[in-house]
Amino acid sequence: MNQAVNKPEHLLTVQNQLGETPIWSPEENALYWVDWGSGPIYRYEPATGKLSTYPLNLPVTALARRALGGWVLIAKNGLYAWDVKTNCLELLAGLPDPENPEICYNDAAVDRQGRLLVGTVNMQDVFAPDGSLYRLDPDCSLHKIDTGYATANGVGVSPDGKTVYVTDMRHHQIVVLDYDTEKGTTSNRRIFANMPKEEGMPDGLIVDADGFLWSGHWAGWKLTRYTPDGEIDRQIHFPVQHVISFAFGGKDLSDLFVTSAWWGFSAKERQGQPLAGDLFRVKTNVKGLVEPAFTG
């Protein structure tokens, strides 16, 4: 590993309370991400340095590209299509469990067939194993395909589309599932990696072109890259405690953009971590994949 290459660079001062789900738009050569549950949507062009924000009266927790144009916004209370130009929203799916409104959407990713995979969390008890993994089909029908997560967080798909990874955050583990690419169903659930409590909790994740998995450490000051077998390949340390989520971007998809957070900090803790909540970039020696777009 080239230590000079795999070094975090402080890229942008945004002070997100909880920066989440960065997604690279190859058509625009721009990065989009959200400030989880409260803030606007951000758009950043690395080539020009231009930063734009889009305030929305919606508790957005994640986002995904949409093949028809615009974006899919994952909000606590529903899944929406968003037109950037008009700022209009269209509801695609409501609450995952209307009889239990405390179950809210959290993180998400799109599979290689264009279906949205989204995790949920019990917002009244984030340690309860009430989180599930849902699949939103192009016809906007919603299907539960796995359950038992204590905060279902980062979601990722292998390059061949046959494996799905889900962060089981409060259980300090990343789960791996076999994925039927035709039916969109899961099987053979098992633990991919455990994260020792002294290293924080696993948060966002992304899979690169080699099939290796990158996982952020909530309260752990670093990210970890795992081999497809779940072994640690490398760890990169950051000057912030909460290393959240990732997107590969840039002209050759080798730049890793990393969000962070100051969620839960006291005023003193924020003073001690002035870069918490900002955007970072890591120049890597590997390439990512263009994140698929939802086809509904």
C-alpha atoms as a PDB file:
ATOM      1  CA  MET A   1       0.000   0.000   0.000  1.00  0.00           C
ATOM      2  CA  ASN A   2       1.255   3.456  -0.897  1.00  0.00           C
ATOM      3  CA  GLN A   3       0.893   5.495   2.282  1.00  0.00           C
ATOM      4  CA  ALA A   4       1.182   8.772   0.333  1.00  0.00           C
ATOM      5  CA  VAL A   5      -1.751   7.761  -1.849  1.00  0.00           C
ATOM      6  CA  ASN A   6      -4.042   6.514   0.915  1.00  0.00           C
ATOM      7  CA  LYS A   7      -4.043   9.700   2.969  1.00  0.00           C
ATOM      8  CA  PRO A   8      -7.191  11.701   3.784  1.00  0.00           C
ATOM      9  CA  GLU A   9      -7.327  15.242   2.431  1.00  0.00           C
ATOM     10  CA  HIS A  10      -9.658  17.814   3.978  1.00  0.00           C
ATOM     11  CA  LEU A  11     -11.636  18.880   0.921  1.00  0.00           C
ATOM     12  CA  LEU A  12     -14.575  21.045   1.919  1.00  0.00           C
ATOM     13  CA  THR A  13     -15.868  22.819   5.019  1.00  0.00           C
ATOM     14  CA  VAL A  14     -19.580  22.021   5.287  1.00  0.00           C
ATOM     15  CA  GLN A  15     -19.993  21.142   8.995  1.00  0.00           C
ATOM     16  CA  ASN A  16     -22.704  18.550   8.422  1.00  0.00           C
ATOM     17  CA  GLN A  17     -24.292  17.236  11.569  1.00  0.00           C
ATOM     18  CA  LEU A  18     -24.319  13.842   9.852  1.00  0.00           C
ATOM     19  CA  GLY A  19     -23.067  13.753   6.256  1.00  0.00           C
ATOM     20  CA  GLU A  20     -24.512  10.721   4.484  1.00  0.00           C
ATOM     21  CA  THR A  21     -24.685   8.737   1.255  1.00  0.00           C
ATOM     22  CA  PRO A  22     -22.419  10.609  -1.143  1.00  0.00           C
ATOM     23  CA  ILE A  23     -23.175   9.595  -4.744  1.00  0.00           C
ATOM     24  CA  TRP A  24     -21.061  10.468  -7.778  1.00  0.00           C
ATOM     25  CA  SER A  25     -22.925  11.631 -10.875  1.00  0.00           C
ATOM     26  CA  PRO A  26     -20.755  10.659 -13.876  1.00  0.00           C
ATOM     27  CA  GLU A  27     -22.960  12.695 -16.219  1.00  0.00           C
ATOM     28  CA  GLU A  28     -22.327  15.879 -14.239  1.00  0.00           C
ATOM     29  CA  ASN A  29     -18.893  15.065 -12.794  1.00  0.00           C
ATOM     30  CA  ALA A  30     -20.368  16.128  -9.488  1.00  0.00           C
ATOM     31  CA  LEU A  31     -20.877  14.696  -6.016  1.00  0.00           C
ATOM     32  CA  TYR A  32     -24.238  14.743  -4.232  1.00  0.00           C
ATOM     33  CA  TRP A  33     -24.851  13.960  -0.571  1.00  0.00           C
ATOM     34  CA  VAL A  34     -27.222  14.756   2.307  1.00  0.00           C
ATOM     35  CA  ASP A  35     -27.063  16.013   5.870  1.00  0.00           C
ATOM     36  CA  TRP A  36     -29.001  13.161   7.463  1.00  0.00           C
ATOM     37  CA  GLY A  37     -32.545  13.899   8.569  1.00  0.00           C
ATOM     38  CA  SER A  38     -32.327  17.665   8.807  1.00  0.00           C
ATOM     39  CA  GLY A  39     -30.109  19.491   6.359  1.00  0.00           C
ATOM     40  CA  PRO A  40     -30.166  20.255   2.655  1.00  0.00           C
ATOM     41  CA  ILE A  41     -28.901  18.208  -0.255  1.00  0.00           C
ATOM     42  CA  TYR A  42     -25.401  19.180  -1.390  1.00  0.00           C
ATOM     43  CA  ARG A  43     -23.874  19.203  -4.864  1.00  0.00           C
ATOM     44  CA  TYR A  44     -20.138  19.716  -5.363  1.00  0.00           C
ATOM     45  CA  GLU A  45     -18.056  19.948  -8.541  1.00  0.00           C
ATOM     46  CA  PRO A  46     -14.428  19.075  -7.698  1.00  0.00           C
ATOM     47  CA  ALA A  47     -13.132  20.471 -11.002  1.00  0.00           C
ATOM     48  CA  THR A  48     -14.551  23.955 -10.393  1.00  0.00           C
ATOM     49  CA  GLY A  49     -14.973  23.987  -6.626  1.00  0.00           C
ATOM     50  CA  LYS A  50     -18.623  25.002  -7.021  1.00  0.00           C
ATOM     51  CA  LEU A  51     -20.853  24.022  -4.101  1.00  0.00           C
ATOM     52  CA  SER A  52     -24.660  24.180  -4.316  1.00  0.00           C
ATOM     53  CA  THR A  53     -27.288  23.389  -1.694  1.00  0.00           C
ATOM     54  CA  TYR A  54     -30.942  22.429  -2.098  1.00  0.00           C
ATOM     55  CA  PRO A  55     -33.075  23.002   1.008  1.00  0.00           C
ATOM     56  CA  LEU A  56     -35.987  20.588   1.283  1.00  0.00           C
ATOM     57  CA  ASN A  57     -38.718  20.320   3.884  1.00  0.00           C
ATOM     58  CA  LEU A  58     -38.114  16.593   4.118  1.00  0.00           C
ATOM     59  CA  PRO A  59     -36.138  14.421   6.597  1.00  0.00           C
ATOM     60  CA  VAL A  60     -33.832  12.973   3.929  1.00  0.00           C
ATOM     61  CA  THR A  61     -31.503  10.189   5.074  1.00  0.00           C
ATOM     62  CA  ALA A  62     -30.000   8.976   1.771  1.00  0.00           C
ATOM     63  CA  LEU A  63     -30.301   9.342  -1.992  1.00  0.00           C
ATOM     64  CA  ALA A  64     -29.872   7.357  -5.191  1.00  0.00           C
ATOM     65  CA  ARG A  65     -29.578   8.115  -8.888  1.00  0.00           C
ATOM     66  CA  ARG A  66     -32.690   7.702 -11.047  1.00  0.00           C
ATOM     67  CA  ALA A  67     -32.560   6.444 -14.640  1.00  0.00           C
ATOM     68  CA  LEU A  68     -35.462   8.692 -15.696  1.00  0.00           C
ATOM     69  CA  GLY A  69     -33.538  11.725 -14.484  1.00  0.00           C
ATOM     70  CA  GLY A  70     -33.290  13.377 -11.113  1.00  0.00           C
ATOM     71  CA  TRP A  71     -32.890  11.418  -7.908  1.00  0.00           C
ATOM     72  CA  VAL A  72     -34.592   9.107  -5.479  1.00  0.00           C
ATOM     73  CA  LEU A  73     -34.660  10.589  -1.994  1.00  0.00           C
ATOM     74  CA  ILE A  74     -34.855   8.241   0.947  1.00  0.00           C
ATOM     75  CA  ALA A  75     -36.573  10.065   3.799  1.00  0.00           C
ATOM     76  CA  LYS A  76     -37.513   8.800   7.232  1.00  0.00           C
ATOM     77  CA  ASN A  77     -41.189   8.753   6.242  1.00  0.00           C
ATOM     78  CA  GLY A  78     -41.102   7.738   2.575  1.00  0.00           C
ATOM     79  CA  LEU A  79     -39.295   7.274  -0.720  1.00  0.00           C
ATOM     80  CA  TYR A  80     -39.543  10.151  -3.197  1.00  0.00           C
ATOM     81  CA  ALA A  81     -38.566  11.065  -6.750  1.00  0.00           C
ATOM     82  CA  TRP A  82     -36.882  14.484  -6.816  1.00  0.00           C
ATOM     83  CA  ASP A  83     -36.472  16.777  -9.815  1.00  0.00           C
ATOM     84  CA  VAL A  84     -33.401  18.927  -9.208  1.00  0.00           C
ATOM     85  CA  LYS A  85     -34.413  21.593 -11.741  1.00  0.00           C
ATOM     86  CA  THR A  86     -37.937  22.149 -10.441  1.00  0.00           C
ATOM     87  CA  ASN A  87     -37.359  20.992  -6.840  1.00  0.00           C
ATOM     88  CA  CYS A  88     -40.580  18.968  -7.163  1.00  0.00           C
ATOM     89  CA  LEU A  89     -41.153  15.764  -5.198  1.00  0.00           C
ATOM     90  CA  GLU A  90     -43.223  12.697  -6.071  1.00  0.00           C
ATOM     91  CA  LEU A  91     -44.011  10.013  -3.501  1.00  0.00           C
ATOM     92  CA  LEU A  92     -42.928   6.553  -4.663  1.00  0.00           C
ATOM     93  CA  ALA A  93     -43.592   4.598  -1.453  1.00  0.00           C
ATOM     94  CA  GLY A  94     -44.819   5.478   2.026  1.00  0.00           C
ATOM     95  CA  LEU A  95     -43.724   4.188   5.404  1.00  0.00           C
ATOM     96  CA  PRO A  96     -42.339   0.641   5.338  1.00  0.00           C
ATOM     97  CA  ASP A  97     -44.624  -0.423   8.198  1.00  0.00           C
ATOM     98  CA  PRO A  98     -47.563   2.016   8.563  1.00  0.00           C
ATOM     99  CA  GLU A  99     -48.787   0.300  11.744  1.00  0.00           C
ATOM    100  CA  ASN A 100     -45.398   0.976  13.359  1.00  0.00           C
ATOM    101  CA  PRO A 101     -44.425   4.520  12.298  1.00  0.00           C
ATOM    102  CA  GLU A 102     -41.339   4.415  14.495  1.00  0.00           C
ATOM    103  CA  ILE A 103     -39.782   2.163  11.822  1.00  0.00           C
ATOM    104  CA  CYS A 104     -38.112   4.596   9.430  1.00  0.00           C
ATOM    105  CA  TYR A 105     -35.996   4.381   6.311  1.00  0.00           C
ATOM    106  CA  ASN A 106     -32.254   4.886   6.691  1.00  0.00           C
ATOM    107  CA  ASP A 107     -29.490   4.067   4.170  1.00  0.00           C
ATOM    108  CA  ALA A 108     -29.847   2.621   0.674  1.00  0.00           C
ATOM    109  CA  ALA A 109     -28.201   1.442  -2.544  1.00  0.00           C
ATOM    110  CA  VAL A 110     -29.368   0.335  -5.993  1.00  0.00           C
ATOM    111  CA  ASP A 111     -28.749  -3.225  -7.180  1.00  0.00           C
ATOM    112  CA  ARG A 112     -27.233  -4.041 -10.596  1.00  0.00           C
ATOM    113  CA  GLN A 113     -30.746  -4.546 -12.022  1.00  0.00           C
ATOM    114  CA  GLY A 114     -31.949  -1.075 -11.028  1.00  0.00           C
ATOM    115  CA  ARG A 115     -33.966  -1.939  -7.914  1.00  0.00           C
ATOM    116  CA  LEU A 116     -33.593   0.099  -4.728  1.00  0.00           C
ATOM    117  CA  LEU A 117     -32.413  -1.687  -1.576  1.00  0.00           C
ATOM    118  CA  VAL A 118     -33.127   0.287   1.581  1.00  0.00           C
ATOM    119  CA  GLY A 119     -32.597  -0.439   5.263  1.00  0.00           C
ATOM    120  CA  THR A 120     -34.765   0.625   8.181  1.00  0.00           C
ATOM    121  CA  VAL A 121     -34.312   1.489  11.853  1.00  0.00           C
ATOM    122  CA  ASN A 122     -36.544   1.769  14.912  1.00  0.00           C
ATOM    123  CA  MET A 123     -36.119   5.467  15.719  1.00  0.00           C
ATOM    124  CA  GLN A 124     -37.564   4.994  19.212  1.00  0.00           C
ATOM    125  CA  ASP A 125     -35.019   2.294  20.056  1.00  0.00           C
ATOM    126  CA  VAL A 126     -32.071   2.127  17.666  1.00  0.00           C
ATOM    127  CA  PHE A 127     -30.711  -0.911  19.530  1.00  0.00           C
ATOM    128  CA  ALA A 128     -33.862  -2.972  18.907  1.00  0.00           C
ATOM    129  CA  PRO A 129     -33.451  -5.652  16.192  1.00  0.00           C
ATOM    130  CA  ASP A 130     -36.440  -4.214  14.329  1.00  0.00           C
ATOM    131  CA  GLY A 131     -34.557  -3.011  11.262  1.00  0.00           C
ATOM    132  CA  SER A 132     -35.130  -4.685   7.914  1.00  0.00           C
ATOM    133  CA  LEU A 133     -33.917  -4.636   4.335  1.00  0.00           C
ATOM    134  CA  TYR A 134     -36.517  -3.725   1.713  1.00  0.00           C
ATOM    135  CA  ARG A 135     -36.522  -3.838  -2.067  1.00  0.00           C
ATOM    136  CA  LEU A 136     -38.334  -1.190  -4.098  1.00  0.00           C
ATOM    137  CA  ASP A 137     -39.104  -2.487  -7.582  1.00  0.00           C
ATOM    138  CA  PRO A 138     -39.405  -0.273 -10.692  1.00  0.00           C
ATOM    139  CA  ASP A 139     -43.220  -0.485 -10.366  1.00  0.00           C
ATOM    140  CA  CYS A 140     -42.753   1.052  -6.884  1.00  0.00           C
ATOM    141  CA  SER A 141     -43.948  -2.053  -5.042  1.00  0.00           C
ATOM    142  CA  LEU A 142     -42.121  -2.554  -1.739  1.00  0.00           C
ATOM    143  CA  HIS A 143     -40.916  -5.948  -0.475  1.00  0.00           C
ATOM    144  CA  LYS A 144     -39.220  -6.939   2.799  1.00  0.00           C
ATOM    145  CA  ILE A 145     -36.313  -9.261   1.958  1.00  0.00           C
ATOM    146  CA  ASP A 146     -34.462  -9.558   5.287  1.00  0.00           C
ATOM    147  CA  THR A 147     -34.892  -8.472   8.902  1.00  0.00           C
ATOM    148  CA  GLY A 148     -33.354  -8.543  12.390  1.00  0.00           C
ATOM    149  CA  TYR A 149     -31.033  -5.534  12.154  1.00  0.00           C
ATOM    150  CA  ALA A 150     -30.276  -3.226  15.073  1.00  0.00           C
ATOM    151  CA  THR A 151     -30.108  -0.192  12.755  1.00  0.00           C
ATOM    152  CA  ALA A 152     -29.736  -1.346   9.148  1.00  0.00           C
ATOM    153  CA  ASN A 153     -27.190   1.128   7.847  1.00  0.00           C
ATOM    154  CA  GLY A 154     -24.835   1.006   4.846  1.00  0.00           C
ATOM    155  CA  VAL A 155     -25.898  -1.176   1.908  1.00  0.00           C
ATOM    156  CA  GLY A 156     -23.639  -2.366  -0.913  1.00  0.00           C
ATOM    157  CA  VAL A 157     -23.726  -4.778  -3.850  1.00  0.00           C
ATOM    158  CA  SER A 158     -20.872  -6.866  -5.281  1.00  0.00           C
ATOM    159  CA  PRO A 159     -19.676  -6.137  -8.844  1.00  0.00           C
ATOM    160  CA  ASP A 160     -21.483  -9.218 -10.204  1.00  0.00           C
ATOM    161  CA  GLY A 161     -24.653  -8.296  -8.321  1.00  0.00           C
ATOM    162  CA  LYS A 162     -24.927 -11.673  -6.601  1.00  0.00           C
ATOM    163  CA  THR A 163     -23.935 -10.558  -3.100  1.00  0.00           C
ATOM    164  CA  VAL A 164     -25.444  -7.869  -0.869  1.00  0.00           C
ATOM    165  CA  TYR A 165     -23.749  -6.379   2.196  1.00  0.00           C
ATOM    166  CA  VAL A 166     -25.640  -4.622   5.000  1.00  0.00           C
ATOM    167  CA  THR A 167     -24.264  -2.852   8.055  1.00  0.00           C
ATOM    168  CA  ASP A 168     -25.931  -4.171  11.222  1.00  0.00           C
ATOM    169  CA  MET A 169     -24.706  -1.152  13.130  1.00  0.00           C
ATOM    170  CA  ARG A 170     -25.675  -1.694  16.773  1.00  0.00           C
ATOM    171  CA  HIS A 171     -24.701  -5.355  16.560  1.00  0.00           C
ATOM    172  CA  HIS A 172     -21.204  -4.194  15.519  1.00  0.00           C
ATOM    173  CA  GLN A 173     -21.176  -6.310  12.379  1.00  0.00           C
ATOM    174  CA  ILE A 174     -21.514  -6.313   8.620  1.00  0.00           C
ATOM    175  CA  VAL A 175     -23.883  -8.941   7.234  1.00  0.00           C
ATOM    176  CA  VAL A 176     -23.459 -10.625   3.847  1.00  0.00           C
ATOM    177  CA  LEU A 177     -26.321 -12.186   1.881  1.00  0.00           C
ATOM    178  CA  ASP A 178     -26.577 -14.213  -1.287  1.00  0.00           C
ATOM    179  CA  TYR A 179     -28.756 -12.289  -3.743  1.00  0.00           C
ATOM    180  CA  ASP A 180     -30.938 -13.743  -6.486  1.00  0.00           C
ATOM    181  CA  THR A 181     -30.474 -11.200  -9.263  1.00  0.00           C
ATOM    182  CA  GLU A 182     -33.619 -12.321 -11.093  1.00  0.00           C
ATOM    183  CA  LYS A 183     -36.026 -12.452  -8.155  1.00  0.00           C
ATOM    184  CA  GLY A 184     -34.389  -9.842  -5.922  1.00  0.00           C
ATOM    185  CA  THR A 185     -34.483 -12.148  -2.894  1.00  0.00           C
ATOM    186  CA  THR A 186     -31.832 -12.928  -0.280  1.00  0.00           C
ATOM    187  CA  SER A 187     -30.596 -16.147   1.325  1.00  0.00           C
ATOM    188  CA  ASN A 188     -27.696 -17.627   3.301  1.00  0.00           C
ATOM    189  CA  ARG A 189     -27.316 -14.725   5.721  1.00  0.00           C
ATOM    190  CA  ARG A 190     -24.000 -14.747   7.564  1.00  0.00           C
ATOM    191  CA  ILE A 191     -21.531 -12.408   9.257  1.00  0.00           C
ATOM    192  CA  PHE A 192     -19.024 -10.837   6.890  1.00  0.00           C
ATOM    193  CA  ALA A 193     -17.022  -8.955   9.537  1.00  0.00           C
ATOM    194  CA  ASN A 194     -17.279  -8.057  13.212  1.00  0.00           C
ATOM    195  CA  MET A 195     -16.080  -4.686  14.470  1.00  0.00           C
ATOM    196  CA  PRO A 196     -14.589  -4.630  17.980  1.00  0.00           C
ATOM    197  CA  LYS A 197     -16.430  -2.189  20.240  1.00  0.00           C
ATOM    198  CA  GLU A 198     -13.223  -0.303  20.970  1.00  0.00           C
ATOM    199  CA  GLU A 199     -13.026   0.517  17.235  1.00  0.00           C
ATOM    200  CA  GLY A 200     -16.518   2.017  17.094  1.00  0.00           C
ATOM    201  CA  MET A 201     -19.513   0.811  15.102  1.00  0.00           C
ATOM    202  CA  PRO A 202     -19.646   0.072  11.368  1.00  0.00           C
ATOM    203  CA  ASP A 203     -21.498   2.751   9.421  1.00  0.00           C
ATOM    204  CA  GLY A 204     -21.678   3.417   5.684  1.00  0.00           C
ATOM    205  CA  LEU A 205     -20.138   1.036   3.175  1.00  0.00           C
ATOM    206  CA  ILE A 206     -19.251   0.807  -0.502  1.00  0.00           C
ATOM    207  CA  VAL A 207     -17.921  -1.953  -2.770  1.00  0.00           C
ATOM    208  CA  ASP A 208     -15.123  -1.172  -5.237  1.00  0.00           C
ATOM    209  CA  ALA A 209     -14.401  -2.627  -8.689  1.00  0.00           C
ATOM    210  CA  ASP A 210     -12.236  -5.375  -7.170  1.00  0.00           C
ATOM    211  CA  GLY A 211     -15.097  -6.528  -4.944  1.00  0.00           C
ATOM    212  CA  PHE A 212     -13.434  -5.201  -1.776  1.00  0.00           C
ATOM    213  CA  LEU A 213     -15.652  -3.510   0.807  1.00  0.00           C
ATOM    214  CA  TRP A 214     -14.966  -0.160   2.485  1.00  0.00           C
ATOM    215  CA  SER A 215     -16.635   0.490   5.849  1.00  0.00           C
ATOM    216  CA  GLY A 216     -16.719   3.636   7.966  1.00  0.00           C
ATOM    217  CA  HIS A 217     -16.197   3.580  11.721  1.00  0.00           C
ATOM    218  CA  TRP A 218     -18.699   5.535  13.797  1.00  0.00           C
ATOM    219  CA  ALA A 219     -16.693   6.703  16.844  1.00  0.00           C
ATOM    220  CA  GLY A 220     -13.625   4.929  15.484  1.00  0.00           C
ATOM    221  CA  TRP A 221     -11.560   7.625  13.703  1.00  0.00           C
ATOM    222  CA  LYS A 222     -10.963   5.509  10.582  1.00  0.00           C
ATOM    223  CA  LEU A 223     -12.230   3.468   7.665  1.00  0.00           C
ATOM    224  CA  THR A 224     -11.442  -0.146   6.874  1.00  0.00           C
ATOM    225  CA  ARG A 225     -11.124  -1.854   3.495  1.00  0.00           C
ATOM    226  CA  TYR A 226     -11.973  -5.570   3.624  1.00  0.00           C
ATOM    227  CA  THR A 227     -11.136  -8.306   1.137  1.00  0.00           C
ATOM    228  CA  PRO A 228     -14.089 -10.249  -0.334  1.00  0.00           C
ATOM    229  CA  ASP A 229     -13.351 -12.877   2.339  1.00  0.00           C
ATOM    230  CA  GLY A 230     -13.791 -10.379   5.176  1.00  0.00           C
ATOM    231  CA  GLU A 231     -10.105  -9.935   6.011  1.00  0.00           C
ATOM    232  CA  ILE A 232      -8.723  -6.446   6.695  1.00  0.00           C
ATOM    233  CA  ASP A 233      -6.806  -5.130   3.690  1.00  0.00           C
ATOM    234  CA  ARG A 234      -6.048  -1.630   4.978  1.00  0.00           C
ATOM    235  CA  GLN A 235      -7.174   1.004   7.444  1.00  0.00           C
ATOM    236  CA  ILE A 236      -7.021   4.762   6.933  1.00  0.00           C
ATOM    237  CA  HIS A 237      -7.147   7.109   9.926  1.00  0.00           C
ATOM    238  CA  PHE A 238      -8.933  10.469   9.957  1.00  0.00           C
ATOM    239  CA  PRO A 239      -8.783  13.582  12.171  1.00  0.00           C
ATOM    240  CA  VAL A 240     -12.477  13.100  13.031  1.00  0.00           C
ATOM    241  CA  GLN A 241     -14.180  10.554  15.255  1.00  0.00           C
ATOM    242  CA  HIS A 242     -17.178   9.724  13.048  1.00  0.00           C
ATOM    243  CA  VAL A 243     -16.162   8.482   9.570  1.00  0.00           C
ATOM    244  CA  ILE A 244     -19.490   7.932   7.866  1.00  0.00           C
ATOM    245  CA  SER A 245     -19.989   7.160   4.190  1.00  0.00           C
ATOM    246  CA  PHE A 246     -18.253   7.001   0.792  1.00  0.00           C
ATOM    247  CA  ALA A 247     -18.433   7.511  -2.953  1.00  0.00           C
ATOM    248  CA  PHE A 248     -15.865   6.765  -5.624  1.00  0.00           C
ATOM    249  CA  GLY A 249     -15.617   9.590  -8.140  1.00  0.00           C
ATOM    250  CA  GLY A 250     -13.308  11.710 -10.236  1.00  0.00           C
ATOM    251  CA  LYS A 251     -12.389  11.130 -13.852  1.00  0.00           C
ATOM    252  CA  ASP A 252     -11.192   7.550 -13.299  1.00  0.00           C
ATOM    253  CA  LEU A 253     -13.308   6.719 -10.215  1.00  0.00           C
ATOM    254  CA  SER A 254     -10.239   6.375  -7.991  1.00  0.00           C
ATOM    255  CA  ASP A 255     -10.991   9.313  -5.679  1.00  0.00           C
ATOM    256  CA  LEU A 256     -12.828   8.233  -2.542  1.00  0.00           C
ATOM    257  CA  PHE A 257     -15.043  10.999  -1.156  1.00  0.00           C
ATOM    258  CA  VAL A 258     -15.751  10.585   2.555  1.00  0.00           C
ATOM    259  CA  THR A 259     -18.397  12.258   4.716  1.00  0.00           C
ATOM    260  CA  SER A 260     -18.152  12.790   8.469  1.00  0.00           C
ATOM    261  CA  ALA A 261     -20.282  13.979  11.402  1.00  0.00           C
ATOM    262  CA  TRP A 262     -20.385  15.832  14.707  1.00  0.00           C
ATOM    263  CA  TRP A 263     -23.666  14.196  15.803  1.00  0.00           C
ATOM    264  CA  GLY A 264     -23.932  14.008  19.587  1.00  0.00           C
ATOM    265  CA  PHE A 265     -20.911  16.208  20.290  1.00  0.00           C
ATOM    266  CA  SER A 266     -20.759  18.687  23.144  1.00  0.00           C
ATOM    267  CA  ALA A 267     -19.536  22.213  22.414  1.00  0.00           C
ATOM    268  CA  LYS A 268     -16.156  21.237  23.850  1.00  0.00           C
ATOM    269  CA  GLU A 269     -15.945  18.141  21.651  1.00  0.00           C
ATOM    270  CA  ARG A 270     -16.732  20.202  18.575  1.00  0.00           C
ATOM    271  CA  GLN A 271     -13.930  22.593  19.461  1.00  0.00           C
ATOM    272  CA  GLY A 272     -11.590  19.623  19.747  1.00  0.00           C
ATOM    273  CA  GLN A 273     -12.623  18.284  16.321  1.00  0.00           C
ATOM    274  CA  PRO A 274     -13.072  21.375  14.135  1.00  0.00           C
ATOM    275  CA  LEU A 275     -13.154  19.291  10.929  1.00  0.00           C
ATOM    276  CA  ALA A 276     -15.954  16.991  12.087  1.00  0.00           C
ATOM    277  CA  GLY A 277     -18.849  17.178   9.649  1.00  0.00           C
ATOM    278  CA  ASP A 278     -16.661  18.166   6.690  1.00  0.00           C
ATOM    279  CA  LEU A 279     -15.992  16.408   3.388  1.00  0.00           C
ATOM    280  CA  PHE A 280     -12.732  14.521   2.836  1.00  0.00           C
ATOM    281  CA  ARG A 281     -11.078  12.912  -0.167  1.00  0.00           C
ATOM    282  CA  VAL A 282      -8.697   9.963  -0.324  1.00  0.00           C
ATOM    283  CA  LYS A 283      -6.610   9.400  -3.453  1.00  0.00           C
ATOM    284  CA  THR A 284      -6.635   5.617  -3.766  1.00  0.00           C
ATOM    285  CA  ASN A 285      -4.835   3.115  -5.966  1.00  0.00           C
ATOM    286  CA  VAL A 286      -8.082   1.267  -6.758  1.00  0.00           C
ATOM    287  CA  LYS A 287     -11.157   2.095  -8.792  1.00  0.00           C
ATOM    288  CA  GLY A 288     -14.776   2.247  -7.826  1.00  0.00           C
ATOM    289  CA  LEU A 289     -17.937   1.490  -9.743  1.00  0.00           C
ATOM    290  CA  VAL A 290     -20.565   3.865 -11.047  1.00  0.00           C
ATOM    291  CA  GLU A 291     -23.485   3.459  -8.675  1.00  0.00           C
ATOM    292  CA  PRO A 292     -26.491   2.058 -10.597  1.00  0.00           C
ATOM    293  CA  ALA A 293     -29.619   4.155 -11.110  1.00  0.00           C
ATOM    294  CA  PHE A 294     -33.106   3.180  -9.963  1.00  0.00           C
ATOM    295  CA  THR A 295     -35.130   2.278 -13.045  1.00  0.00           C
ATOM    296  CA  GLY A 296     -38.568   3.198 -11.694  1.00  0.00           C
END
